[in-house]
C-alpha atoms as a PDB file:
ATOM      1  CA  ALA A   1     -28.190 -16.945  44.350  1.00  0.00           C
ATOM      2  CA  GLY A   2     -29.791 -13.652  45.391  1.00  0.00           C
ATOM      3  CA  GLY A   3     -30.075 -12.337  41.842  1.00  0.00           C
ATOM      4  CA  GLU A   4     -26.526 -11.026  41.629  1.00  0.00           C
ATOM      5  CA  ARG A   5     -24.032 -12.252  39.076  1.00  0.00           C
ATOM      6  CA  LEU A   6     -21.931 -15.102  40.490  1.00  0.00           C
ATOM      7  CA  SER A   7     -18.142 -14.844  40.505  1.00  0.00           C
ATOM      8  CA  ARG A   8     -16.195 -16.882  37.954  1.00  0.00           C
ATOM      9  CA  HIS A   9     -15.381 -19.627  40.484  1.00  0.00           C
ATOM     10  CA  ALA A  10     -18.861 -19.631  42.029  1.00  0.00           C
ATOM     11  CA  ARG A  11     -20.593 -20.279  38.691  1.00  0.00           C
ATOM     12  CA  ASP A  12     -18.759 -23.449  37.620  1.00  0.00           C
ATOM     13  CA  ALA A  13     -21.989 -25.446  37.104  1.00  0.00           C
ATOM     14  CA  GLU A  14     -21.455 -29.082  36.119  1.00  0.00           C
ATOM     15  CA  SER A  15     -24.687 -31.011  36.745  1.00  0.00           C
ATOM     16  CA  LEU A  16     -28.453 -30.445  36.663  1.00  0.00           C
ATOM     17  CA  VAL A  17     -31.551 -32.227  37.993  1.00  0.00           C
ATOM     18  CA  GLU A  18     -35.198 -31.216  37.604  1.00  0.00           C
ATOM     19  CA  ASP A  19     -37.388 -32.596  40.388  1.00  0.00           C
ATOM     20  CA  GLY A  20     -40.722 -31.142  39.215  1.00  0.00           C
ATOM     21  CA  ALA A  21     -40.604 -28.097  41.530  1.00  0.00           C
ATOM     22  CA  SER A  22     -37.064 -26.837  41.008  1.00  0.00           C
ATOM     23  CA  LEU A  23     -33.861 -27.093  39.038  1.00  0.00           C
ATOM     24  CA  GLU A  24     -30.984 -28.281  41.212  1.00  0.00           C
ATOM     25  CA  VAL A  25     -27.584 -27.219  39.905  1.00  0.00           C
ATOM     26  CA  GLY A  26     -24.363 -28.898  41.085  1.00  0.00           C
ATOM     27  CA  PHE A  27     -21.315 -26.625  41.223  1.00  0.00           C
ATOM     28  CA  GLU A  28     -17.585 -27.358  41.335  1.00  0.00           C
ATOM     29  CA  ARG A  29     -14.901 -25.291  43.087  1.00  0.00           C
ATOM     30  CA  GLU A  30     -17.364 -24.219  45.804  1.00  0.00           C
ATOM     31  CA  ASN A  31     -18.787 -27.754  45.904  1.00  0.00           C
ATOM     32  CA  ARG A  32     -22.494 -27.222  46.488  1.00  0.00           C
ATOM     33  CA  ILE A  33     -25.990 -27.591  45.017  1.00  0.00           C
ATOM     34  CA  LEU A  34     -28.351 -24.635  44.544  1.00  0.00           C
ATOM     35  CA  ALA A  35     -32.069 -25.062  43.777  1.00  0.00           C
ATOM     36  CA  TYR A  36     -33.894 -22.581  41.539  1.00  0.00           C
ATOM     37  CA  ALA A  37     -37.720 -22.406  41.461  1.00  0.00           C
ATOM     38  CA  LEU A  38     -39.392 -23.457  38.198  1.00  0.00           C
ATOM     39  CA  ALA A  39     -42.621 -21.436  38.546  1.00  0.00           C
ATOM     40  CA  PRO A  40     -42.676 -18.614  37.895  1.00  0.00           C
ATOM     41  CA  PRO A  41     -39.419 -19.146  36.016  1.00  0.00           C
ATOM     42  CA  PHE A  42     -36.562 -18.914  38.488  1.00  0.00           C
ATOM     43  CA  ALA A  43     -38.556 -16.842  41.007  1.00  0.00           C
ATOM     44  CA  GLY A  44     -37.017 -15.810  44.310  1.00  0.00           C
ATOM     45  CA  PRO A  45     -33.488 -16.425  45.485  1.00  0.00           C
ATOM     46  CA  ALA A  46     -31.853 -19.809  44.973  1.00  0.00           C
ATOM     47  CA  ARG A  47     -31.757 -22.005  48.050  1.00  0.00           C
ATOM     48  CA  GLU A  48     -28.818 -24.146  49.124  1.00  0.00           C
ATOM     49  CA  VAL A  49     -29.587 -27.887  49.045  1.00  0.00           C
ATOM     50  CA  LEU A  50     -28.281 -30.057  51.869  1.00  0.00           C
ATOM     51  CA  THR A  51     -25.349 -32.125  50.615  1.00  0.00           C
ATOM     52  CA  PRO A  52     -23.174 -34.844  52.143  1.00  0.00           C
ATOM     53  CA  ARG A  53     -20.420 -33.637  54.484  1.00  0.00           C
ATOM     54  CA  GLY A  54     -17.897 -35.690  52.509  1.00  0.00           C
ATOM     55  CA  LEU A  55     -18.300 -33.411  49.500  1.00  0.00           C
ATOM     56  CA  ARG A  56     -15.246 -31.549  50.802  1.00  0.00           C
ATOM     57  CA  HIS A  57     -13.165 -34.593  49.743  1.00  0.00           C
ATOM     58  CA  CYS A  58     -13.814 -33.786  46.075  1.00  0.00           C
ATOM     59  CA  ARG A  59     -11.117 -31.881  44.241  1.00  0.00           C
ATOM     60  CA  ALA A  60     -11.961 -28.184  43.740  1.00  0.00           C
ATOM     61  CA  ASN A  61     -12.202 -28.655  39.961  1.00  0.00           C
ATOM     62  CA  GLY A  62     -13.525 -32.212  40.354  1.00  0.00           C
ATOM     63  CA  GLY A  63     -16.823 -31.698  42.179  1.00  0.00           C
ATOM     64  CA  ILE A  64     -20.332 -32.962  41.453  1.00  0.00           C
ATOM     65  CA  GLU A  65     -19.933 -33.862  37.817  1.00  0.00           C
ATOM     66  CA  ALA A  66     -22.773 -36.415  37.635  1.00  0.00           C
ATOM     67  CA  MET A  67     -26.096 -35.957  39.453  1.00  0.00           C
ATOM     68  CA  THR A  68     -29.428 -37.628  38.821  1.00  0.00           C
ATOM     69  CA  LEU A  69     -32.767 -38.174  40.494  1.00  0.00           C
ATOM     70  CA  LEU A  70     -33.521 -41.795  41.428  1.00  0.00           C
ATOM     71  CA  ALA A  71     -37.008 -43.314  41.155  1.00  0.00           C
ATOM     72  CA  ASP A  72     -37.554 -43.058  44.948  1.00  0.00           C
ATOM     73  CA  GLY A  73     -36.697 -39.324  45.101  1.00  0.00           C
ATOM     74  CA  ARG A  74     -33.118 -39.690  46.325  1.00  0.00           C
ATOM     75  CA  ARG A  75     -30.190 -38.296  44.347  1.00  0.00           C
ATOM     76  CA  LEU A  76     -27.036 -39.913  43.088  1.00  0.00           C
ATOM     77  CA  LEU A  77     -24.047 -37.551  43.269  1.00  0.00           C
ATOM     78  CA  VAL A  78     -20.684 -38.540  41.770  1.00  0.00           C
ATOM     79  CA  CYS A  79     -17.576 -36.374  41.995  1.00  0.00           C
ATOM     80  CA  GLU A  80     -15.156 -36.210  39.121  1.00  0.00           C
ATOM     81  CA  ALA A  81     -12.082 -36.629  41.335  1.00  0.00           C
ATOM     82  CA  ARG A  82     -10.825 -36.828  44.911  1.00  0.00           C
ATOM     83  CA  ARG A  83      -8.469 -34.203  46.323  1.00  0.00           C
ATOM     84  CA  ARG A  84      -5.656 -36.786  46.239  1.00  0.00           C
ATOM     85  CA  PRO A  85      -4.777 -39.302  43.497  1.00  0.00           C
ATOM     86  CA  ALA A  86      -6.926 -42.437  43.802  1.00  0.00           C
ATOM     87  CA  ASP A  87      -8.382 -45.314  41.815  1.00  0.00           C
ATOM     88  CA  ASP A  88     -11.918 -44.308  42.789  1.00  0.00           C
ATOM     89  CA  THR A  89     -13.961 -41.181  43.373  1.00  0.00           C
ATOM     90  CA  PRO A  90     -16.608 -40.382  46.004  1.00  0.00           C
ATOM     91  CA  ALA A  91     -20.291 -40.883  45.278  1.00  0.00           C
ATOM     92  CA  TRP A  92     -23.380 -40.564  47.461  1.00  0.00           C
ATOM     93  CA  ILE A  93     -26.984 -41.695  47.388  1.00  0.00           C
ATOM     94  CA  GLY A  94     -29.515 -39.843  49.486  1.00  0.00           C
ATOM     95  CA  ALA A  95     -31.319 -36.579  50.120  1.00  0.00           C
ATOM     96  CA  GLY A  96     -31.601 -33.941  52.815  1.00  0.00           C
ATOM     97  CA  GLU A  97     -29.587 -34.927  55.877  1.00  0.00           C
ATOM     98  CA  ARG A  98     -29.424 -38.646  54.985  1.00  0.00           C
ATOM     99  CA  TRP A  99     -26.620 -39.635  52.601  1.00  0.00           C
ATOM    100  CA  THR A 100     -24.794 -42.918  52.152  1.00  0.00           C
ATOM    101  CA  GLU A 101     -21.302 -42.640  50.726  1.00  0.00           C
ATOM    102  CA  ARG A 102     -20.417 -45.100  47.982  1.00  0.00           C
ATOM    103  CA  SER A 103     -17.214 -45.474  46.031  1.00  0.00           C
ATOM    104  CA  TYR A 104     -17.209 -45.090  42.244  1.00  0.00           C
ATOM    105  CA  PRO A 105     -14.293 -46.998  40.645  1.00  0.00           C
ATOM    106  CA  LEU A 106     -12.240 -45.280  37.943  1.00  0.00           C
ATOM    107  CA  PHE A 107     -11.195 -47.199  34.825  1.00  0.00           C
ATOM    108  CA  PHE A 108      -7.586 -46.926  33.674  1.00  0.00           C
ATOM    109  CA  ASP A 109      -6.557 -48.257  30.271  1.00  0.00           C
ATOM    110  CA  GLY A 110      -3.287 -46.569  29.387  1.00  0.00           C
ATOM    111  CA  GLY A 111      -4.473 -43.005  28.808  1.00  0.00           C
ATOM    112  CA  GLY A 112      -1.874 -40.258  28.537  1.00  0.00           C
ATOM    113  CA  GLY A 113      -0.149 -39.720  31.878  1.00  0.00           C
ATOM    114  CA  GLY A 114      -2.202 -42.534  33.393  1.00  0.00           C
ATOM    115  CA  GLU A 115      -5.413 -40.478  33.192  1.00  0.00           C
ATOM    116  CA  PRO A 116      -8.527 -42.604  33.904  1.00  0.00           C
ATOM    117  CA  PHE A 117     -12.018 -42.282  32.498  1.00  0.00           C
ATOM    118  CA  ARG A 118     -13.988 -39.978  34.836  1.00  0.00           C
ATOM    119  CA  PRO A 119     -17.767 -39.683  35.356  1.00  0.00           C
ATOM    120  CA  THR A 120     -19.317 -36.657  33.644  1.00  0.00           C
ATOM    121  CA  SER A 121     -23.080 -37.242  33.477  1.00  0.00           C
ATOM    122  CA  ALA A 122     -25.820 -39.571  34.697  1.00  0.00           C
ATOM    123  CA  ALA A 123     -29.392 -40.312  33.609  1.00  0.00           C
ATOM    124  CA  ARG A 124     -32.077 -42.646  34.951  1.00  0.00           C
ATOM    125  CA  LEU A 125     -33.660 -45.174  32.606  1.00  0.00           C
ATOM    126  CA  PRO A 126     -37.409 -45.984  32.813  1.00  0.00           C
ATOM    127  CA  GLY A 127     -36.755 -49.266  34.683  1.00  0.00           C
ATOM    128  CA  GLY A 128     -34.647 -47.560  37.367  1.00  0.00           C
ATOM    129  CA  ASP A 129     -31.162 -48.453  36.090  1.00  0.00           C
ATOM    130  CA  LEU A 130     -28.738 -45.582  35.467  1.00  0.00           C
ATOM    131  CA  LEU A 131     -26.567 -44.682  32.512  1.00  0.00           C
ATOM    132  CA  LEU A 132     -23.293 -42.909  33.252  1.00  0.00           C
ATOM    133  CA  LEU A 133     -21.136 -41.146  30.730  1.00  0.00           C
ATOM    134  CA  GLU A 134     -17.387 -41.151  31.374  1.00  0.00           C
ATOM    135  CA  ARG A 135     -14.678 -39.278  29.493  1.00  0.00           C
ATOM    136  CA  ARG A 136     -10.909 -39.241  29.413  1.00  0.00           C
ATOM    137  CA  VAL A 137      -8.481 -36.578  28.183  1.00  0.00           C
ATOM    138  CA  PRO A 138      -5.749 -37.266  26.986  1.00  0.00           C
ATOM    139  CA  PRO A 139      -6.234 -39.093  24.719  1.00  0.00           C
ATOM    140  CA  ILE A 140      -9.864 -38.199  24.112  1.00  0.00           C
ATOM    141  CA  GLY A 141     -12.158 -41.099  24.873  1.00  0.00           C
ATOM    142  CA  ALA A 142     -15.672 -41.767  26.174  1.00  0.00           C
ATOM    143  CA  ARG A 143     -17.559 -44.703  27.653  1.00  0.00           C
ATOM    144  CA  VAL A 144     -21.213 -45.286  28.541  1.00  0.00           C
ATOM    145  CA  LEU A 145     -21.840 -47.533  31.527  1.00  0.00           C
ATOM    146  CA  ARG A 146     -24.924 -48.893  33.244  1.00  0.00           C
ATOM    147  CA  ILE A 147     -25.559 -49.256  36.980  1.00  0.00           C
ATOM    148  CA  ALA A 148     -28.317 -51.721  37.842  1.00  0.00           C
ATOM    149  CA  ARG A 149     -31.229 -50.479  39.974  1.00  0.00           C
ATOM    150  CA  GLU A 150     -30.421 -53.154  42.552  1.00  0.00           C
ATOM    151  CA  ASP A 151     -26.886 -51.784  42.972  1.00  0.00           C
ATOM    152  CA  LEU A 152     -28.267 -48.388  44.000  1.00  0.00           C
ATOM    153  CA  ALA A 153     -29.833 -49.690  47.216  1.00  0.00           C
ATOM    154  CA  ALA A 154     -27.651 -48.745  50.180  1.00  0.00           C
ATOM    155  CA  ALA A 155     -26.144 -51.802  51.842  1.00  0.00           C
ATOM    156  CA  ALA A 156     -26.508 -52.277  55.588  1.00  0.00           C
ATOM    157  CA  GLY A 157     -23.541 -51.554  57.808  1.00  0.00           C
ATOM    158  CA  ASP A 158     -20.851 -48.916  57.849  1.00  0.00           C
ATOM    159  CA  SER A 159     -19.158 -49.840  54.551  1.00  0.00           C
ATOM    160  CA  PRO A 160     -21.552 -50.069  51.603  1.00  0.00           C
ATOM    161  CA  PRO A 161     -19.969 -51.783  48.605  1.00  0.00           C
ATOM    162  CA  PRO A 162     -18.682 -49.670  45.712  1.00  0.00           C
ATOM    163  CA  LEU A 163     -21.053 -48.952  42.841  1.00  0.00           C
ATOM    164  CA  HIS A 164     -20.558 -51.436  39.992  1.00  0.00           C
ATOM    165  CA  PRO A 165     -20.937 -49.778  36.605  1.00  0.00           C
ATOM    166  CA  ARG A 166     -20.958 -52.209  33.695  1.00  0.00           C
ATOM    167  CA  GLU A 167     -20.269 -51.584  30.013  1.00  0.00           C
END
């Protein structure tokens, strides 16, 4: 972050977003996001981006695997896995100090050892919908899912509904 080489665990980068002024990099193990200036290329030290407090619920090697910029400037963050076994994984929509936690359901279909498909990448489509890539190992498998723009709006109340990816 200050120009020094990061330790092996500190440099486990998994996701990337360009917002026009910086590159935001999501890291696992030390679950965090660092922003690097674009002009001049990577000038100055990286700055830590505010993230949801619940990020600590992501498994050390299951942090922010999917991150994308939404049309309104907020981010979608999806962890690969919770710290404990579950049929969903944490996700958030927001920016700065304002984040709404959402649940991202995992899809199980008889993978080796009961391993589900897990989110690995996200991208916004021109109309505002999102594509999410999921993978499973073992056996090796991948799926591409779509989340409708309307599903990204935070619901009122204390318990927003889970995100609903569709094949």
